[in-house]
Amino acid sequence: MPAVFTGMLQGEELSQAYASGDVFAMPSESETLGQVVLESMASGVPVVAARAGGIPDIIPKDKEGKTSFLFTPGDLDECVRKIEQLLLSKDLRESIGKAAREEMEKCDWRAASKKIRNEHYSTAMWYWQKKMGRTN
């Protein structure tokens, strides 16, 4: 399969590029967030990504195999098996892609901001209680 280097894409061109794919592979073991994973899922493209960095926060354990696939970092055989599984089954690709898109439709800036705020608050309270010697 030939690689196509498009240069920088934005807006509609970027959306079309994502949507034209069958599977999106993200083998990086050090992503802090994985914006490209979010963009692929939002485009209805199933993702196969390393279970590392911030990716498990995007694809939690209960969504694995439903909205995307994760593999153990460094396990190339597992990565290839999951990609092949998707490439060999159009029905599976379509169902995973549809579920990924639906999952991303639940996300918006308000929900994301609230989640981050709550996590920061919980962390700050935990730290303060620990500092004050009031651990539960």
N, C-alpha and C. Protein backbone atom coordinates (compact mmCIF):
# COMPACT_ATOMS: atom_id res chain seq x y z
N MET A 1 0.85 -1.17 0.00
CA MET A 1 0.00 0.00 0.00
C MET A 1 0.90 1.24 0.00
N PRO A 2 0.75 2.13 -0.95
CA PRO A 2 1.63 3.31 -1.01
C PRO A 2 1.28 4.33 0.06
N ALA A 3 2.29 5.02 0.54
CA ALA A 3 2.08 6.11 1.49
C ALA A 3 1.87 7.40 0.70
N VAL A 4 1.01 8.25 1.23
CA VAL A 4 0.75 9.53 0.60
C VAL A 4 1.09 10.62 1.61
N PHE A 5 2.02 11.49 1.25
CA PHE A 5 2.38 12.60 2.11
C PHE A 5 1.68 13.84 1.59
N THR A 6 0.70 14.31 2.33
CA THR A 6 -0.16 15.40 1.86
C THR A 6 0.34 16.78 2.24
N GLY A 7 1.26 16.85 3.18
CA GLY A 7 1.60 18.15 3.75
C GLY A 7 0.54 18.50 4.78
N MET A 8 0.55 19.72 5.25
CA MET A 8 -0.39 20.13 6.29
C MET A 8 -1.81 20.24 5.74
N LEU A 9 -2.75 19.63 6.45
CA LEU A 9 -4.17 19.72 6.09
C LEU A 9 -4.92 20.36 7.24
N GLN A 10 -6.00 21.06 6.90
CA GLN A 10 -6.84 21.69 7.91
C GLN A 10 -8.30 21.55 7.51
N GLY A 11 -9.16 21.78 8.46
CA GLY A 11 -10.59 21.86 8.20
C GLY A 11 -11.15 20.68 7.44
N GLU A 12 -11.89 20.99 6.38
CA GLU A 12 -12.58 19.97 5.60
C GLU A 12 -11.61 18.98 4.96
N GLU A 13 -10.47 19.47 4.49
CA GLU A 13 -9.47 18.56 3.89
C GLU A 13 -8.98 17.53 4.91
N LEU A 14 -8.75 17.98 6.13
CA LEU A 14 -8.29 17.08 7.18
C LEU A 14 -9.38 16.07 7.52
N SER A 15 -10.60 16.53 7.65
CA SER A 15 -11.73 15.63 7.94
C SER A 15 -11.88 14.58 6.85
N GLN A 16 -11.76 15.00 5.60
CA GLN A 16 -11.87 14.05 4.48
C GLN A 16 -10.73 13.04 4.49
N ALA A 17 -9.55 13.49 4.84
CA ALA A 17 -8.40 12.57 4.89
C ALA A 17 -8.62 11.50 5.95
N TYR A 18 -9.07 11.89 7.14
CA TYR A 18 -9.36 10.90 8.18
C TYR A 18 -10.45 9.95 7.73
N ALA A 19 -11.54 10.51 7.23
CA ALA A 19 -12.69 9.69 6.85
C ALA A 19 -12.39 8.74 5.70
N SER A 20 -11.36 9.01 4.93
CA SER A 20 -11.03 8.14 3.80
C SER A 20 -10.29 6.87 4.23
N GLY A 21 -9.86 6.82 5.47
CA GLY A 21 -9.11 5.66 5.95
C GLY A 21 -10.01 4.52 6.39
N ASP A 22 -9.47 3.31 6.38
CA ASP A 22 -10.18 2.14 6.89
C ASP A 22 -9.87 1.91 8.36
N VAL A 23 -8.61 2.12 8.73
CA VAL A 23 -8.15 1.91 10.10
C VAL A 23 -7.09 2.96 10.38
N PHE A 24 -7.05 3.45 11.62
CA PHE A 24 -6.00 4.38 12.02
C PHE A 24 -5.12 3.69 13.05
N ALA A 25 -3.83 3.57 12.77
CA ALA A 25 -2.88 2.94 13.69
C ALA A 25 -2.06 4.01 14.40
N MET A 26 -1.98 3.89 15.72
CA MET A 26 -1.23 4.85 16.56
C MET A 26 -0.27 4.06 17.45
N PRO A 27 0.92 3.73 16.93
CA PRO A 27 1.83 2.89 17.70
C PRO A 27 2.66 3.64 18.75
N SER A 28 2.54 4.96 18.83
CA SER A 28 3.36 5.74 19.76
C SER A 28 3.15 5.28 21.20
N GLU A 29 4.25 5.19 21.93
CA GLU A 29 4.19 4.78 23.33
C GLU A 29 4.35 5.96 24.28
N SER A 30 4.33 7.18 23.76
CA SER A 30 4.58 8.33 24.63
C SER A 30 3.66 9.52 24.35
N GLU A 31 2.47 9.27 23.87
CA GLU A 31 1.53 10.37 23.61
C GLU A 31 0.96 10.89 24.92
N THR A 32 0.90 12.20 25.05
CA THR A 32 0.29 12.77 26.25
C THR A 32 -1.23 12.80 26.12
N LEU A 33 -1.73 13.08 24.95
CA LEU A 33 -3.18 13.08 24.74
C LEU A 33 -3.57 12.21 23.57
N GLY A 34 -3.02 12.46 22.43
CA GLY A 34 -3.40 11.68 21.26
C GLY A 34 -4.52 12.33 20.48
N GLN A 35 -4.34 13.60 20.14
CA GLN A 35 -5.35 14.35 19.39
C GLN A 35 -5.76 13.61 18.12
N VAL A 36 -4.79 12.98 17.45
CA VAL A 36 -5.10 12.27 16.21
C VAL A 36 -6.03 11.09 16.45
N VAL A 37 -5.95 10.50 17.64
CA VAL A 37 -6.88 9.41 17.99
C VAL A 37 -8.29 9.96 18.10
N LEU A 38 -8.43 11.09 18.77
CA LEU A 38 -9.75 11.74 18.89
C LEU A 38 -10.30 12.10 17.51
N GLU A 39 -9.45 12.66 16.66
CA GLU A 39 -9.89 13.07 15.32
C GLU A 39 -10.30 11.86 14.48
N SER A 40 -9.55 10.78 14.59
CA SER A 40 -9.90 9.56 13.84
C SER A 40 -11.23 9.00 14.30
N MET A 41 -11.40 8.90 15.62
CA MET A 41 -12.65 8.38 16.16
C MET A 41 -13.82 9.27 15.76
N ALA A 42 -13.63 10.58 15.82
CA ALA A 42 -14.69 11.52 15.44
C ALA A 42 -15.05 11.38 13.96
N SER A 43 -14.10 10.91 13.16
CA SER A 43 -14.34 10.70 11.73
C SER A 43 -14.93 9.32 11.44
N GLY A 44 -15.16 8.54 12.49
CA GLY A 44 -15.75 7.21 12.30
C GLY A 44 -14.76 6.17 11.83
N VAL A 45 -13.49 6.39 12.10
CA VAL A 45 -12.44 5.45 11.69
C VAL A 45 -11.97 4.68 12.92
N PRO A 46 -12.02 3.34 12.88
CA PRO A 46 -11.56 2.57 14.03
C PRO A 46 -10.06 2.77 14.27
N VAL A 47 -9.68 2.80 15.54
CA VAL A 47 -8.30 3.07 15.94
C VAL A 47 -7.69 1.83 16.56
N VAL A 48 -6.43 1.58 16.23
CA VAL A 48 -5.61 0.59 16.92
C VAL A 48 -4.44 1.38 17.49
N ALA A 49 -4.33 1.44 18.83
CA ALA A 49 -3.32 2.29 19.46
C ALA A 49 -2.65 1.57 20.62
N ALA A 50 -1.44 2.02 20.93
CA ALA A 50 -0.71 1.48 22.09
C ALA A 50 -1.42 1.92 23.37
N ARG A 51 -1.52 1.00 24.31
CA ARG A 51 -2.11 1.28 25.62
C ARG A 51 -1.04 2.00 26.46
N ALA A 52 -0.82 3.28 26.13
CA ALA A 52 0.26 4.04 26.76
C ALA A 52 -0.09 5.52 26.75
N GLY A 53 0.63 6.28 27.57
CA GLY A 53 0.41 7.72 27.63
C GLY A 53 -1.03 8.05 27.97
N GLY A 54 -1.59 9.02 27.26
CA GLY A 54 -2.96 9.45 27.52
C GLY A 54 -4.01 8.67 26.76
N ILE A 55 -3.60 7.74 25.91
CA ILE A 55 -4.55 7.00 25.08
C ILE A 55 -5.57 6.22 25.91
N PRO A 56 -5.17 5.52 26.99
CA PRO A 56 -6.18 4.81 27.80
C PRO A 56 -7.22 5.74 28.45
N ASP A 57 -6.90 7.02 28.57
CA ASP A 57 -7.89 7.97 29.07
C ASP A 57 -8.95 8.26 28.01
N ILE A 58 -8.57 8.17 26.75
CA ILE A 58 -9.50 8.38 25.65
C ILE A 58 -10.31 7.11 25.40
N ILE A 59 -9.63 5.97 25.49
CA ILE A 59 -10.26 4.67 25.24
C ILE A 59 -10.14 3.83 26.52
N PRO A 60 -11.07 4.00 27.47
CA PRO A 60 -10.98 3.24 28.72
C PRO A 60 -11.22 1.75 28.49
N LYS A 61 -10.84 0.96 29.47
CA LYS A 61 -10.91 -0.50 29.38
C LYS A 61 -12.30 -0.99 28.95
N ASP A 62 -13.36 -0.37 29.46
CA ASP A 62 -14.71 -0.84 29.13
C ASP A 62 -15.12 -0.51 27.69
N LYS A 63 -14.33 0.31 26.98
CA LYS A 63 -14.63 0.65 25.58
C LYS A 63 -13.73 -0.09 24.60
N GLU A 64 -12.70 -0.76 25.12
CA GLU A 64 -11.79 -1.51 24.25
C GLU A 64 -12.56 -2.59 23.50
N GLY A 65 -12.33 -2.67 22.21
CA GLY A 65 -13.02 -3.65 21.39
C GLY A 65 -14.41 -3.21 20.97
N LYS A 66 -14.85 -2.06 21.50
CA LYS A 66 -16.17 -1.53 21.15
C LYS A 66 -16.04 -0.25 20.32
N THR A 67 -15.16 0.65 20.77
CA THR A 67 -14.95 1.91 20.04
C THR A 67 -13.58 1.97 19.39
N SER A 68 -12.68 1.12 19.79
CA SER A 68 -11.30 1.07 19.27
C SER A 68 -10.60 -0.13 19.87
N PHE A 69 -9.38 -0.36 19.43
CA PHE A 69 -8.56 -1.45 19.98
C PHE A 69 -7.27 -0.88 20.53
N LEU A 70 -6.85 -1.39 21.68
CA LEU A 70 -5.55 -1.04 22.25
C LEU A 70 -4.69 -2.28 22.28
N PHE A 71 -3.38 -2.07 22.22
CA PHE A 71 -2.45 -3.19 22.32
C PHE A 71 -1.36 -2.85 23.32
N THR A 72 -0.72 -3.88 23.85
CA THR A 72 0.35 -3.71 24.81
C THR A 72 1.54 -3.03 24.12
N PRO A 73 2.05 -1.94 24.70
CA PRO A 73 3.18 -1.25 24.08
C PRO A 73 4.34 -2.21 23.81
N GLY A 74 4.87 -2.12 22.62
CA GLY A 74 5.99 -2.97 22.23
C GLY A 74 5.60 -4.31 21.65
N ASP A 75 4.32 -4.67 21.74
CA ASP A 75 3.86 -5.97 21.23
C ASP A 75 3.37 -5.80 19.79
N LEU A 76 4.30 -5.84 18.87
CA LEU A 76 3.98 -5.63 17.45
C LEU A 76 3.02 -6.69 16.92
N ASP A 77 3.18 -7.94 17.38
CA ASP A 77 2.28 -9.01 16.92
C ASP A 77 0.83 -8.72 17.30
N GLU A 78 0.61 -8.25 18.52
CA GLU A 78 -0.75 -7.92 18.96
C GLU A 78 -1.30 -6.76 18.13
N CYS A 79 -0.48 -5.77 17.87
CA CYS A 79 -0.88 -4.62 17.05
C CYS A 79 -1.31 -5.09 15.66
N VAL A 80 -0.47 -5.90 15.03
CA VAL A 80 -0.76 -6.40 13.68
C VAL A 80 -2.03 -7.24 13.67
N ARG A 81 -2.22 -8.10 14.68
CA ARG A 81 -3.43 -8.94 14.75
C ARG A 81 -4.69 -8.08 14.79
N LYS A 82 -4.65 -7.02 15.58
CA LYS A 82 -5.83 -6.16 15.70
C LYS A 82 -6.09 -5.37 14.42
N ILE A 83 -5.04 -4.92 13.77
CA ILE A 83 -5.21 -4.22 12.49
C ILE A 83 -5.78 -5.19 11.45
N GLU A 84 -5.21 -6.40 11.38
CA GLU A 84 -5.71 -7.41 10.42
C GLU A 84 -7.16 -7.75 10.69
N GLN A 85 -7.52 -7.88 11.97
CA GLN A 85 -8.90 -8.20 12.34
C GLN A 85 -9.85 -7.16 11.75
N LEU A 86 -9.48 -5.90 11.85
CA LEU A 86 -10.32 -4.83 11.30
C LEU A 86 -10.31 -4.82 9.77
N LEU A 87 -9.13 -5.01 9.18
CA LEU A 87 -9.04 -4.97 7.72
C LEU A 87 -9.77 -6.13 7.05
N LEU A 88 -9.86 -7.26 7.75
CA LEU A 88 -10.51 -8.44 7.17
C LEU A 88 -12.02 -8.46 7.34
N SER A 89 -12.56 -7.55 8.15
CA SER A 89 -14.00 -7.56 8.40
C SER A 89 -14.59 -6.16 8.23
N LYS A 90 -15.24 -5.95 7.11
CA LYS A 90 -15.88 -4.66 6.86
C LYS A 90 -16.96 -4.38 7.90
N ASP A 91 -17.71 -5.42 8.29
CA ASP A 91 -18.76 -5.24 9.30
C ASP A 91 -18.17 -4.77 10.63
N LEU A 92 -17.06 -5.38 11.04
CA LEU A 92 -16.41 -4.99 12.29
C LEU A 92 -15.90 -3.55 12.19
N ARG A 93 -15.23 -3.22 11.08
CA ARG A 93 -14.75 -1.85 10.88
C ARG A 93 -15.89 -0.84 10.99
N GLU A 94 -16.99 -1.16 10.33
CA GLU A 94 -18.13 -0.22 10.34
C GLU A 94 -18.75 -0.10 11.72
N SER A 95 -18.88 -1.21 12.44
CA SER A 95 -19.50 -1.13 13.78
C SER A 95 -18.59 -0.42 14.77
N ILE A 96 -17.29 -0.71 14.72
CA ILE A 96 -16.35 -0.03 15.61
C ILE A 96 -16.27 1.46 15.25
N GLY A 97 -16.20 1.76 13.97
CA GLY A 97 -16.15 3.15 13.52
C GLY A 97 -17.38 3.94 13.94
N LYS A 98 -18.54 3.32 13.80
CA LYS A 98 -19.80 3.98 14.20
C LYS A 98 -19.82 4.23 15.70
N ALA A 99 -19.41 3.23 16.48
CA ALA A 99 -19.38 3.37 17.94
C ALA A 99 -18.36 4.43 18.36
N ALA A 100 -17.23 4.49 17.66
CA ALA A 100 -16.21 5.51 17.97
C ALA A 100 -16.78 6.90 17.72
N ARG A 101 -17.44 7.06 16.60
CA ARG A 101 -18.04 8.36 16.26
C ARG A 101 -19.09 8.76 17.30
N GLU A 102 -19.94 7.81 17.68
CA GLU A 102 -20.97 8.10 18.69
C GLU A 102 -20.35 8.47 20.03
N GLU A 103 -19.25 7.81 20.38
CA GLU A 103 -18.56 8.12 21.63
C GLU A 103 -18.00 9.54 21.59
N MET A 104 -17.44 9.94 20.47
CA MET A 104 -16.88 11.28 20.35
C MET A 104 -17.96 12.35 20.34
N GLU A 105 -19.16 12.01 19.87
CA GLU A 105 -20.26 12.98 19.87
C GLU A 105 -20.70 13.33 21.28
N LYS A 106 -20.38 12.47 22.24
CA LYS A 106 -20.71 12.74 23.65
C LYS A 106 -19.77 13.78 24.25
N CYS A 107 -18.65 14.01 23.58
CA CYS A 107 -17.63 14.93 24.10
C CYS A 107 -17.89 16.34 23.59
N ASP A 108 -17.77 17.28 24.47
CA ASP A 108 -17.80 18.68 24.07
C ASP A 108 -16.92 19.45 25.05
N TRP A 109 -16.67 20.71 24.76
CA TRP A 109 -15.76 21.49 25.60
C TRP A 109 -16.27 21.62 27.02
N ARG A 110 -17.58 21.75 27.20
CA ARG A 110 -18.13 21.90 28.54
C ARG A 110 -17.88 20.65 29.37
N ALA A 111 -18.16 19.48 28.79
CA ALA A 111 -17.94 18.22 29.51
C ALA A 111 -16.46 18.01 29.81
N ALA A 112 -15.61 18.31 28.83
CA ALA A 112 -14.16 18.13 29.03
C ALA A 112 -13.64 19.07 30.11
N SER A 113 -14.10 20.32 30.08
CA SER A 113 -13.66 21.29 31.09
C SER A 113 -14.10 20.87 32.48
N LYS A 114 -15.33 20.38 32.59
CA LYS A 114 -15.85 19.94 33.88
C LYS A 114 -15.03 18.75 34.41
N LYS A 115 -14.72 17.81 33.55
CA LYS A 115 -13.94 16.64 33.97
C LYS A 115 -12.56 17.07 34.45
N ILE A 116 -11.90 17.93 33.70
CA ILE A 116 -10.56 18.40 34.10
C ILE A 116 -10.65 19.16 35.41
N ARG A 117 -11.63 20.05 35.54
CA ARG A 117 -11.79 20.82 36.77
C ARG A 117 -11.98 19.89 37.96
N ASN A 118 -12.85 18.89 37.82
CA ASN A 118 -13.11 17.96 38.92
C ASN A 118 -11.87 17.16 39.30
N GLU A 119 -11.12 16.72 38.29
CA GLU A 119 -9.90 15.95 38.58
C GLU A 119 -8.85 16.83 39.24
N HIS A 120 -8.70 18.06 38.79
CA HIS A 120 -7.74 18.97 39.42
C HIS A 120 -8.16 19.26 40.86
N TYR A 121 -9.45 19.48 41.08
CA TYR A 121 -9.94 19.75 42.43
C TYR A 121 -9.67 18.56 43.35
N SER A 122 -9.99 17.35 42.87
CA SER A 122 -9.75 16.15 43.69
C SER A 122 -8.28 15.99 44.02
N THR A 123 -7.42 16.23 43.04
CA THR A 123 -5.98 16.11 43.27
C THR A 123 -5.50 17.17 44.26
N ALA A 124 -5.98 18.39 44.11
CA ALA A 124 -5.59 19.47 45.02
C ALA A 124 -6.05 19.17 46.44
N MET A 125 -7.27 18.67 46.59
CA MET A 125 -7.79 18.33 47.92
C MET A 125 -6.99 17.19 48.54
N TRP A 126 -6.66 16.18 47.74
CA TRP A 126 -5.87 15.06 48.25
C TRP A 126 -4.52 15.57 48.74
N TYR A 127 -3.87 16.42 47.94
CA TYR A 127 -2.56 16.95 48.31
C TYR A 127 -2.67 17.79 49.58
N TRP A 128 -3.68 18.63 49.67
CA TRP A 128 -3.86 19.48 50.84
C TRP A 128 -4.08 18.63 52.09
N GLN A 129 -4.94 17.60 51.99
CA GLN A 129 -5.19 16.73 53.14
C GLN A 129 -3.92 15.99 53.55
N LYS A 130 -3.15 15.55 52.58
CA LYS A 130 -1.90 14.85 52.88
C LYS A 130 -0.93 15.80 53.58
N LYS A 131 -0.84 17.02 53.07
CA LYS A 131 0.06 18.02 53.65
C LYS A 131 -0.36 18.36 55.08
N MET A 132 -1.65 18.42 55.32
CA MET A 132 -2.17 18.76 56.64
C MET A 132 -2.25 17.54 57.56
N GLY A 133 -1.87 16.37 57.03
CA GLY A 133 -1.91 15.15 57.85
C GLY A 133 -3.30 14.59 58.03
N ARG A 134 -4.18 14.86 57.09
CA ARG A 134 -5.58 14.39 57.19
C ARG A 134 -5.89 13.41 56.08
N THR A 135 -5.16 12.35 55.97
CA THR A 135 -5.45 11.36 54.93
C THR A 135 -6.56 10.44 55.38
N ASN A 136 -7.35 10.00 54.44
CA ASN A 136 -8.46 9.07 54.73
C ASN A 136 -8.01 7.66 54.56
